[in-house]
Amino acid sequence: MSDIDPAVLDARLTAQRRLLARLVAALEPAARQPVIDWLGQRETLRDGQEDPGAVPTEEVGPALATAEEFRMVLRLTQDRLHETGQG
């Protein structure tokens, strides 16, 4: 897997984000809101520090990346809802 072009991996990840956002946006409002709330709760790293990532550790990198992914999916979902007049 390490010999895959990083640009290809980035394009695949972008496609998956867009698909996830469309799926969340397509849910009925009663089913969509709990997912949006769940994403919102995970878009910020909560590790007990005042400034997450201020003291770099090996464990923080993946956690920050995960939080960023949730943030990006949430943002794309909100954009999609705005485009369709639902948000």
PDB file of N, CA and C in Angstrom:
ATOM      1  N   MET A   1       0.819  -1.193   0.000  1.00  0.00           N
ATOM      2  CA  MET A   1       0.000   0.000   0.000  1.00  0.00           C
ATOM      3  C   MET A   1       0.864   1.258   0.000  1.00  0.00           C
ATOM      4  N   SER A   2       2.079   1.175   0.490  1.00  0.00           N
ATOM      5  CA  SER A   2       2.931   2.348   0.577  1.00  0.00           C
ATOM      6  C   SER A   2       3.386   2.856  -0.784  1.00  0.00           C
ATOM      7  N   ASP A   3       3.247   2.047  -1.823  1.00  0.00           N
ATOM      8  CA  ASP A   3       3.679   2.517  -3.137  1.00  0.00           C
ATOM      9  C   ASP A   3       2.538   3.167  -3.924  1.00  0.00           C
ATOM     10  N   ILE A   4       1.411   3.449  -3.271  1.00  0.00           N
ATOM     11  CA  ILE A   4       0.326   4.170  -3.918  1.00  0.00           C
ATOM     12  C   ILE A   4       0.635   5.662  -3.832  1.00  0.00           C
ATOM     13  N   ASP A   5       0.431   6.339  -4.934  1.00  0.00           N
ATOM     14  CA  ASP A   5       0.680   7.777  -5.014  1.00  0.00           C
ATOM     15  C   ASP A   5      -0.170   8.511  -3.974  1.00  0.00           C
ATOM     16  N   PRO A   6       0.457   9.379  -3.166  1.00  0.00           N
ATOM     17  CA  PRO A   6      -0.309  10.131  -2.161  1.00  0.00           C
ATOM     18  C   PRO A   6      -1.466  10.930  -2.759  1.00  0.00           C
ATOM     19  N   ALA A   7      -1.320  11.408  -3.976  1.00  0.00           N
ATOM     20  CA  ALA A   7      -2.405  12.155  -4.620  1.00  0.00           C
ATOM     21  C   ALA A   7      -3.606  11.245  -4.873  1.00  0.00           C
ATOM     22  N   VAL A   8      -3.350   9.982  -5.197  1.00  0.00           N
ATOM     23  CA  VAL A   8      -4.433   9.018  -5.408  1.00  0.00           C
ATOM     24  C   VAL A   8      -5.139   8.742  -4.083  1.00  0.00           C
ATOM     25  N   LEU A   9      -4.378   8.562  -3.017  1.00  0.00           N
ATOM     26  CA  LEU A   9      -4.972   8.330  -1.704  1.00  0.00           C
ATOM     27  C   LEU A   9      -5.812   9.526  -1.269  1.00  0.00           C
ATOM     28  N   ASP A  10      -5.310  10.724  -1.517  1.00  0.00           N
ATOM     29  CA  ASP A  10      -6.046  11.929  -1.158  1.00  0.00           C
ATOM     30  C   ASP A  10      -7.349  12.017  -1.945  1.00  0.00           C
ATOM     31  N   ALA A  11      -7.304  11.682  -3.224  1.00  0.00           N
ATOM     32  CA  ALA A  11      -8.512  11.717  -4.059  1.00  0.00           C
ATOM     33  C   ALA A  11      -9.534  10.696  -3.567  1.00  0.00           C
ATOM     34  N   ARG A  12      -9.067   9.528  -3.176  1.00  0.00           N
ATOM     35  CA  ARG A  12      -9.972   8.498  -2.653  1.00  0.00           C
ATOM     36  C   ARG A  12     -10.611   8.953  -1.348  1.00  0.00           C
ATOM     37  N   LEU A  13      -9.816   9.540  -0.476  1.00  0.00           N
ATOM     38  CA  LEU A  13     -10.336  10.018   0.795  1.00  0.00           C
ATOM     39  C   LEU A  13     -11.360  11.133   0.574  1.00  0.00           C
ATOM     40  N   THR A  14     -11.087  12.017  -0.347  1.00  0.00           N
ATOM     41  CA  THR A  14     -12.026  13.094  -0.669  1.00  0.00           C
ATOM     42  C   THR A  14     -13.341  12.510  -1.176  1.00  0.00           C
ATOM     43  N   ALA A  15     -13.275  11.511  -2.024  1.00  0.00           N
ATOM     44  CA  ALA A  15     -14.486  10.867  -2.546  1.00  0.00           C
ATOM     45  C   ALA A  15     -15.285  10.238  -1.409  1.00  0.00           C
ATOM     46  N   GLN A  16     -14.609   9.597  -0.484  1.00  0.00           N
ATOM     47  CA  GLN A  16     -15.312   8.969   0.641  1.00  0.00           C
ATOM     48  C   GLN A  16     -15.967  10.019   1.534  1.00  0.00           C
ATOM     49  N   ARG A  17     -15.282  11.109   1.776  1.00  0.00           N
ATOM     50  CA  ARG A  17     -15.871  12.197   2.571  1.00  0.00           C
ATOM     51  C   ARG A  17     -17.139  12.714   1.912  1.00  0.00           C
ATOM     52  N   ARG A  18     -17.060  12.951   0.613  1.00  0.00           N
ATOM     53  CA  ARG A  18     -18.217  13.483  -0.112  1.00  0.00           C
ATOM     54  C   ARG A  18     -19.385  12.505  -0.073  1.00  0.00           C
ATOM     55  N   LEU A  19     -19.095  11.226  -0.243  1.00  0.00           N
ATOM     56  CA  LEU A  19     -20.143  10.210  -0.186  1.00  0.00           C
ATOM     57  C   LEU A  19     -20.786  10.182   1.200  1.00  0.00           C
ATOM     58  N   LEU A  20     -19.969  10.176   2.245  1.00  0.00           N
ATOM     59  CA  LEU A  20     -20.509  10.170   3.608  1.00  0.00           C
ATOM     60  C   LEU A  20     -21.390  11.392   3.855  1.00  0.00           C
ATOM     61  N   ALA A  21     -20.935  12.548   3.419  1.00  0.00           N
ATOM     62  CA  ALA A  21     -21.716  13.770   3.617  1.00  0.00           C
ATOM     63  C   ALA A  21     -23.051  13.687   2.885  1.00  0.00           C
ATOM     64  N   ARG A  22     -23.045  13.159   1.673  1.00  0.00           N
ATOM     65  CA  ARG A  22     -24.298  13.022   0.924  1.00  0.00           C
ATOM     66  C   ARG A  22     -25.249  12.052   1.610  1.00  0.00           C
ATOM     67  N   LEU A  23     -24.707  10.961   2.136  1.00  0.00           N
ATOM     68  CA  LEU A  23     -25.536   9.975   2.826  1.00  0.00           C
ATOM     69  C   LEU A  23     -26.163  10.580   4.081  1.00  0.00           C
ATOM     70  N   VAL A  24     -25.378  11.305   4.850  1.00  0.00           N
ATOM     71  CA  VAL A  24     -25.912  11.939   6.058  1.00  0.00           C
ATOM     72  C   VAL A  24     -26.968  12.973   5.676  1.00  0.00           C
ATOM     73  N   ALA A  25     -26.683  13.789   4.686  1.00  0.00           N
ATOM     74  CA  ALA A  25     -27.627  14.827   4.260  1.00  0.00           C
ATOM     75  C   ALA A  25     -28.916  14.231   3.711  1.00  0.00           C
ATOM     76  N   ALA A  26     -28.856  13.025   3.154  1.00  0.00           N
ATOM     77  CA  ALA A  26     -30.030  12.395   2.566  1.00  0.00           C
ATOM     78  C   ALA A  26     -30.952  11.761   3.609  1.00  0.00           C
ATOM     79  N   LEU A  27     -30.479  11.624   4.826  1.00  0.00           N
ATOM     80  CA  LEU A  27     -31.311  11.044   5.880  1.00  0.00           C
ATOM     81  C   LEU A  27     -32.499  11.946   6.190  1.00  0.00           C
ATOM     82  N   GLU A  28     -33.561  11.333   6.679  1.00  0.00           N
ATOM     83  CA  GLU A  28     -34.691  12.117   7.173  1.00  0.00           C
ATOM     84  C   GLU A  28     -34.197  12.963   8.342  1.00  0.00           C
ATOM     85  N   PRO A  29     -34.756  14.155   8.542  1.00  0.00           N
ATOM     86  CA  PRO A  29     -34.264  15.037   9.604  1.00  0.00           C
ATOM     87  C   PRO A  29     -34.168  14.372  10.979  1.00  0.00           C
ATOM     88  N   ALA A  30     -35.119  13.534  11.334  1.00  0.00           N
ATOM     89  CA  ALA A  30     -35.098  12.893  12.653  1.00  0.00           C
ATOM     90  C   ALA A  30     -33.928  11.922  12.791  1.00  0.00           C
ATOM     91  N   ALA A  31     -33.514  11.321  11.704  1.00  0.00           N
ATOM     92  CA  ALA A  31     -32.368  10.412  11.729  1.00  0.00           C
ATOM     93  C   ALA A  31     -31.061  11.169  11.506  1.00  0.00           C
ATOM     94  N   ARG A  32     -31.127  12.258  10.768  1.00  0.00           N
ATOM     95  CA  ARG A  32     -29.928  13.032  10.429  1.00  0.00           C
ATOM     96  C   ARG A  32     -29.357  13.775  11.629  1.00  0.00           C
ATOM     97  N   GLN A  33     -30.214  14.386  12.424  1.00  0.00           N
ATOM     98  CA  GLN A  33     -29.734  15.239  13.512  1.00  0.00           C
ATOM     99  C   GLN A  33     -28.855  14.499  14.513  1.00  0.00           C
ATOM    100  N   PRO A  34     -29.205  13.277  14.930  1.00  0.00           N
ATOM    101  CA  PRO A  34     -28.297  12.572  15.847  1.00  0.00           C
ATOM    102  C   PRO A  34     -26.918  12.305  15.239  1.00  0.00           C
ATOM    103  N   VAL A  35     -26.865  12.069  13.938  1.00  0.00           N
ATOM    104  CA  VAL A  35     -25.573  11.851  13.283  1.00  0.00           C
ATOM    105  C   VAL A  35     -24.783  13.152  13.243  1.00  0.00           C
ATOM    106  N   ILE A  36     -25.452  14.250  12.923  1.00  0.00           N
ATOM    107  CA  ILE A  36     -24.787  15.561  12.907  1.00  0.00           C
ATOM    108  C   ILE A  36     -24.277  15.908  14.305  1.00  0.00           C
ATOM    109  N   ASP A  37     -25.106  15.641  15.313  1.00  0.00           N
ATOM    110  CA  ASP A  37     -24.673  15.900  16.693  1.00  0.00           C
ATOM    111  C   ASP A  37     -23.455  15.048  17.042  1.00  0.00           C
ATOM    112  N   TRP A  38     -23.485  13.783  16.645  1.00  0.00           N
ATOM    113  CA  TRP A  38     -22.376  12.866  16.913  1.00  0.00           C
ATOM    114  C   TRP A  38     -21.088  13.374  16.253  1.00  0.00           C
ATOM    115  N   LEU A  39     -21.192  13.795  15.000  1.00  0.00           N
ATOM    116  CA  LEU A  39     -20.023  14.344  14.303  1.00  0.00           C
ATOM    117  C   LEU A  39     -19.519  15.595  15.022  1.00  0.00           C
ATOM    118  N   GLY A  40     -20.449  16.458  15.431  1.00  0.00           N
ATOM    119  CA  GLY A  40     -20.072  17.685  16.111  1.00  0.00           C
ATOM    120  C   GLY A  40     -19.344  17.432  17.425  1.00  0.00           C
ATOM    121  N   GLN A  41     -19.729  16.366  18.102  1.00  0.00           N
ATOM    122  CA  GLN A  41     -19.071  16.030  19.366  1.00  0.00           C
ATOM    123  C   GLN A  41     -17.660  15.506  19.145  1.00  0.00           C
ATOM    124  N   ARG A  42     -17.379  15.034  17.950  1.00  0.00           N
ATOM    125  CA  ARG A  42     -16.085  14.426  17.676  1.00  0.00           C
ATOM    126  C   ARG A  42     -15.160  15.283  16.827  1.00  0.00           C
ATOM    127  N   GLU A  43     -15.617  16.474  16.436  1.00  0.00           N
ATOM    128  CA  GLU A  43     -14.794  17.317  15.572  1.00  0.00           C
ATOM    129  C   GLU A  43     -13.683  18.033  16.325  1.00  0.00           C
ATOM    130  N   THR A  44     -13.714  17.985  17.653  1.00  0.00           N
ATOM    131  CA  THR A  44     -12.672  18.603  18.456  1.00  0.00           C
ATOM    132  C   THR A  44     -12.070  17.542  19.358  1.00  0.00           C
ATOM    133  N   LEU A  45     -10.762  17.455  19.357  1.00  0.00           N
ATOM    134  CA  LEU A  45     -10.072  16.495  20.213  1.00  0.00           C
ATOM    135  C   LEU A  45     -10.270  16.900  21.663  1.00  0.00           C
ATOM    136  N   ARG A  46     -10.758  15.966  22.446  1.00  0.00           N
ATOM    137  CA  ARG A  46     -10.957  16.218  23.870  1.00  0.00           C
ATOM    138  C   ARG A  46     -10.037  15.292  24.643  1.00  0.00           C
ATOM    139  N   ASP A  47      -8.879  15.840  24.992  1.00  0.00           N
ATOM    140  CA  ASP A  47      -7.903  15.011  25.700  1.00  0.00           C
ATOM    141  C   ASP A  47      -7.584  15.570  27.083  1.00  0.00           C
ATOM    142  N   GLY A  48      -8.423  16.498  27.543  1.00  0.00           N
ATOM    143  CA  GLY A  48      -8.214  17.056  28.866  1.00  0.00           C
ATOM    144  C   GLY A  48      -7.233  18.218  28.901  1.00  0.00           C
ATOM    145  N   GLN A  49      -6.617  18.525  27.773  1.00  0.00           N
ATOM    146  CA  GLN A  49      -5.678  19.641  27.732  1.00  0.00           C
ATOM    147  C   GLN A  49      -6.420  20.906  27.330  1.00  0.00           C
ATOM    148  N   GLU A  50      -5.912  22.032  27.807  1.00  0.00           N
ATOM    149  CA  GLU A  50      -6.494  23.306  27.421  1.00  0.00           C
ATOM    150  C   GLU A  50      -6.270  23.569  25.937  1.00  0.00           C
ATOM    151  N   ASP A  51      -5.105  23.190  25.439  1.00  0.00           N
ATOM    152  CA  ASP A  51      -4.753  23.371  24.033  1.00  0.00           C
ATOM    153  C   ASP A  51      -4.338  22.012  23.475  1.00  0.00           C
ATOM    154  N   PRO A  52      -5.305  21.237  22.922  1.00  0.00           N
ATOM    155  CA  PRO A  52      -4.970  19.907  22.421  1.00  0.00           C
ATOM    156  C   PRO A  52      -3.833  19.949  21.409  1.00  0.00           C
ATOM    157  N   GLY A  53      -2.891  19.084  21.598  1.00  0.00           N
ATOM    158  CA  GLY A  53      -1.768  19.010  20.688  1.00  0.00           C
ATOM    159  C   GLY A  53      -0.649  19.976  21.040  1.00  0.00           C
ATOM    160  N   ALA A  54      -0.807  20.765  22.108  1.00  0.00           N
ATOM    161  CA  ALA A  54       0.223  21.731  22.486  1.00  0.00           C
ATOM    162  C   ALA A  54       1.509  21.026  22.888  1.00  0.00           C
ATOM    163  N   VAL A  55       1.367  19.879  23.501  1.00  0.00           N
ATOM    164  CA  VAL A  55       2.514  19.064  23.858  1.00  0.00           C
ATOM    165  C   VAL A  55       2.466  17.837  22.964  1.00  0.00           C
ATOM    166  N   PRO A  56       3.207  17.860  21.857  1.00  0.00           N
ATOM    167  CA  PRO A  56       3.110  16.773  20.887  1.00  0.00           C
ATOM    168  C   PRO A  56       3.520  15.428  21.482  1.00  0.00           C
ATOM    169  N   THR A  57       2.700  14.447  21.213  1.00  0.00           N
ATOM    170  CA  THR A  57       3.029  13.071  21.567  1.00  0.00           C
ATOM    171  C   THR A  57       2.678  12.212  20.366  1.00  0.00           C
ATOM    172  N   GLU A  58       3.184  11.009  20.353  1.00  0.00           N
ATOM    173  CA  GLU A  58       2.900  10.117  19.227  1.00  0.00           C
ATOM    174  C   GLU A  58       1.411   9.795  19.135  1.00  0.00           C
ATOM    175  N   GLU A  59       0.732   9.744  20.286  1.00  0.00           N
ATOM    176  CA  GLU A  59      -0.683   9.383  20.287  1.00  0.00           C
ATOM    177  C   GLU A  59      -1.580  10.488  19.755  1.00  0.00           C
ATOM    178  N   VAL A  60      -1.143  11.733  19.867  1.00  0.00           N
ATOM    179  CA  VAL A  60      -1.987  12.866  19.506  1.00  0.00           C
ATOM    180  C   VAL A  60      -2.169  12.996  17.995  1.00  0.00           C
ATOM    181  N   GLY A  61      -1.189  12.648  17.198  1.00  0.00           N
ATOM    182  CA  GLY A  61      -1.286  12.793  15.747  1.00  0.00           C
ATOM    183  C   GLY A  61      -2.494  12.096  15.154  1.00  0.00           C
ATOM    184  N   PRO A  62      -2.672  10.793  15.388  1.00  0.00           N
ATOM    185  CA  PRO A  62      -3.844  10.116  14.845  1.00  0.00           C
ATOM    186  C   PRO A  62      -5.157  10.665  15.407  1.00  0.00           C
ATOM    187  N   ALA A  63      -5.176  11.036  16.671  1.00  0.00           N
ATOM    188  CA  ALA A  63      -6.397  11.569  17.265  1.00  0.00           C
ATOM    189  C   ALA A  63      -6.773  12.900  16.630  1.00  0.00           C
ATOM    190  N   LEU A  64      -5.794  13.757  16.390  1.00  0.00           N
ATOM    191  CA  LEU A  64      -6.071  15.028  15.716  1.00  0.00           C
ATOM    192  C   LEU A  64      -6.547  14.804  14.286  1.00  0.00           C
ATOM    193  N   ALA A  65      -5.952  13.841  13.600  1.00  0.00           N
ATOM    194  CA  ALA A  65      -6.368  13.526  12.225  1.00  0.00           C
ATOM    195  C   ALA A  65      -7.800  13.010  12.209  1.00  0.00           C
ATOM    196  N   THR A  66      -8.162  12.188  13.194  1.00  0.00           N
ATOM    197  CA  THR A  66      -9.524  11.666  13.277  1.00  0.00           C
ATOM    198  C   THR A  66     -10.515  12.804  13.505  1.00  0.00           C
ATOM    199  N   ALA A  67     -10.202  13.690  14.441  1.00  0.00           N
ATOM    200  CA  ALA A  67     -11.071  14.832  14.710  1.00  0.00           C
ATOM    201  C   ALA A  67     -11.226  15.697  13.461  1.00  0.00           C
ATOM    202  N   GLU A  68     -10.144  15.889  12.725  1.00  0.00           N
ATOM    203  CA  GLU A  68     -10.202  16.679  11.488  1.00  0.00           C
ATOM    204  C   GLU A  68     -11.098  16.012  10.446  1.00  0.00           C
ATOM    205  N   GLU A  69     -11.049  14.706  10.347  1.00  0.00           N
ATOM    206  CA  GLU A  69     -11.923  13.991   9.399  1.00  0.00           C
ATOM    207  C   GLU A  69     -13.387  14.195   9.754  1.00  0.00           C
ATOM    208  N   PHE A  70     -13.716  14.060  11.047  1.00  0.00           N
ATOM    209  CA  PHE A  70     -15.095  14.284  11.475  1.00  0.00           C
ATOM    210  C   PHE A  70     -15.519  15.713  11.159  1.00  0.00           C
ATOM    211  N   ARG A  71     -14.633  16.669  11.389  1.00  0.00           N
ATOM    212  CA  ARG A  71     -14.927  18.075  11.093  1.00  0.00           C
ATOM    213  C   ARG A  71     -15.202  18.265   9.604  1.00  0.00           C
ATOM    214  N   MET A  72     -14.400  17.635   8.777  1.00  0.00           N
ATOM    215  CA  MET A  72     -14.562  17.797   7.331  1.00  0.00           C
ATOM    216  C   MET A  72     -15.861  17.167   6.839  1.00  0.00           C
ATOM    217  N   VAL A  73     -16.205  15.998   7.361  1.00  0.00           N
ATOM    218  CA  VAL A  73     -17.457  15.349   6.962  1.00  0.00           C
ATOM    219  C   VAL A  73     -18.639  16.203   7.423  1.00  0.00           C
ATOM    220  N   LEU A  74     -18.573  16.717   8.634  1.00  0.00           N
ATOM    221  CA  LEU A  74     -19.641  17.581   9.143  1.00  0.00           C
ATOM    222  C   LEU A  74     -19.788  18.819   8.270  1.00  0.00           C
ATOM    223  N   ARG A  75     -18.678  19.451   7.930  1.00  0.00           N
ATOM    224  CA  ARG A  75     -18.724  20.654   7.098  1.00  0.00           C
ATOM    225  C   ARG A  75     -19.326  20.347   5.720  1.00  0.00           C
ATOM    226  N   LEU A  76     -18.915  19.250   5.123  1.00  0.00           N
ATOM    227  CA  LEU A  76     -19.467  18.871   3.817  1.00  0.00           C
ATOM    228  C   LEU A  76     -20.957  18.567   3.915  1.00  0.00           C
ATOM    229  N   THR A  77     -21.366  17.939   5.008  1.00  0.00           N
ATOM    230  CA  THR A  77     -22.784  17.652   5.208  1.00  0.00           C
ATOM    231  C   THR A  77     -23.567  18.955   5.313  1.00  0.00           C
ATOM    232  N   GLN A  78     -23.068  19.883   6.107  1.00  0.00           N
ATOM    233  CA  GLN A  78     -23.744  21.172   6.266  1.00  0.00           C
ATOM    234  C   GLN A  78     -23.788  21.927   4.939  1.00  0.00           C
ATOM    235  N   ASP A  79     -22.724  21.875   4.173  1.00  0.00           N
ATOM    236  CA  ASP A  79     -22.713  22.507   2.851  1.00  0.00           C
ATOM    237  C   ASP A  79     -23.772  21.898   1.952  1.00  0.00           C
ATOM    238  N   ARG A  80     -23.852  20.579   1.974  1.00  0.00           N
ATOM    239  CA  ARG A  80     -24.843  19.866   1.137  1.00  0.00           C
ATOM    240  C   ARG A  80     -26.259  20.245   1.546  1.00  0.00           C
ATOM    241  N   LEU A  81     -26.524  20.303   2.836  1.00  0.00           N
ATOM    242  CA  LEU A  81     -27.846  20.687   3.317  1.00  0.00           C
ATOM    243  C   LEU A  81     -28.177  22.111   2.905  1.00  0.00           C
ATOM    244  N   HIS A  82     -27.185  22.998   2.959  1.00  0.00           N
ATOM    245  CA  HIS A  82     -27.396  24.389   2.547  1.00  0.00           C
ATOM    246  C   HIS A  82     -27.708  24.459   1.056  1.00  0.00           C
ATOM    247  N   GLU A  83     -26.993  23.676   0.242  1.00  0.00           N
ATOM    248  CA  GLU A  83     -27.223  23.653  -1.199  1.00  0.00           C
ATOM    249  C   GLU A  83     -28.635  23.208  -1.543  1.00  0.00           C
ATOM    250  N   THR A  84     -29.158  22.258  -0.767  1.00  0.00           N
ATOM    251  CA  THR A  84     -30.474  21.698  -1.050  1.00  0.00           C
ATOM    252  C   THR A  84     -31.594  22.448  -0.324  1.00  0.00           C
ATOM    253  N   GLY A  85     -31.219  23.508   0.423  1.00  0.00           N
ATOM    254  CA  GLY A  85     -32.215  24.297   1.119  1.00  0.00           C
ATOM    255  C   GLY A  85     -32.753  23.645   2.372  1.00  0.00           C
ATOM    256  N   GLN A  86     -32.030  22.648   2.901  1.00  0.00           N
ATOM    257  CA  GLN A  86     -32.493  21.952   4.100  1.00  0.00           C
ATOM    258  C   GLN A  86     -31.770  22.422   5.348  1.00  0.00           C
ATOM    259  N   GLY A  87     -30.750  23.264   5.176  1.00  0.00           N
ATOM    260  CA  GLY A  87     -29.942  23.612   6.340  1.00  0.00           C
ATOM    261  C   GLY A  87     -29.926  25.025   6.702  1.00  0.00           C
TER     262      GLY A  87
END
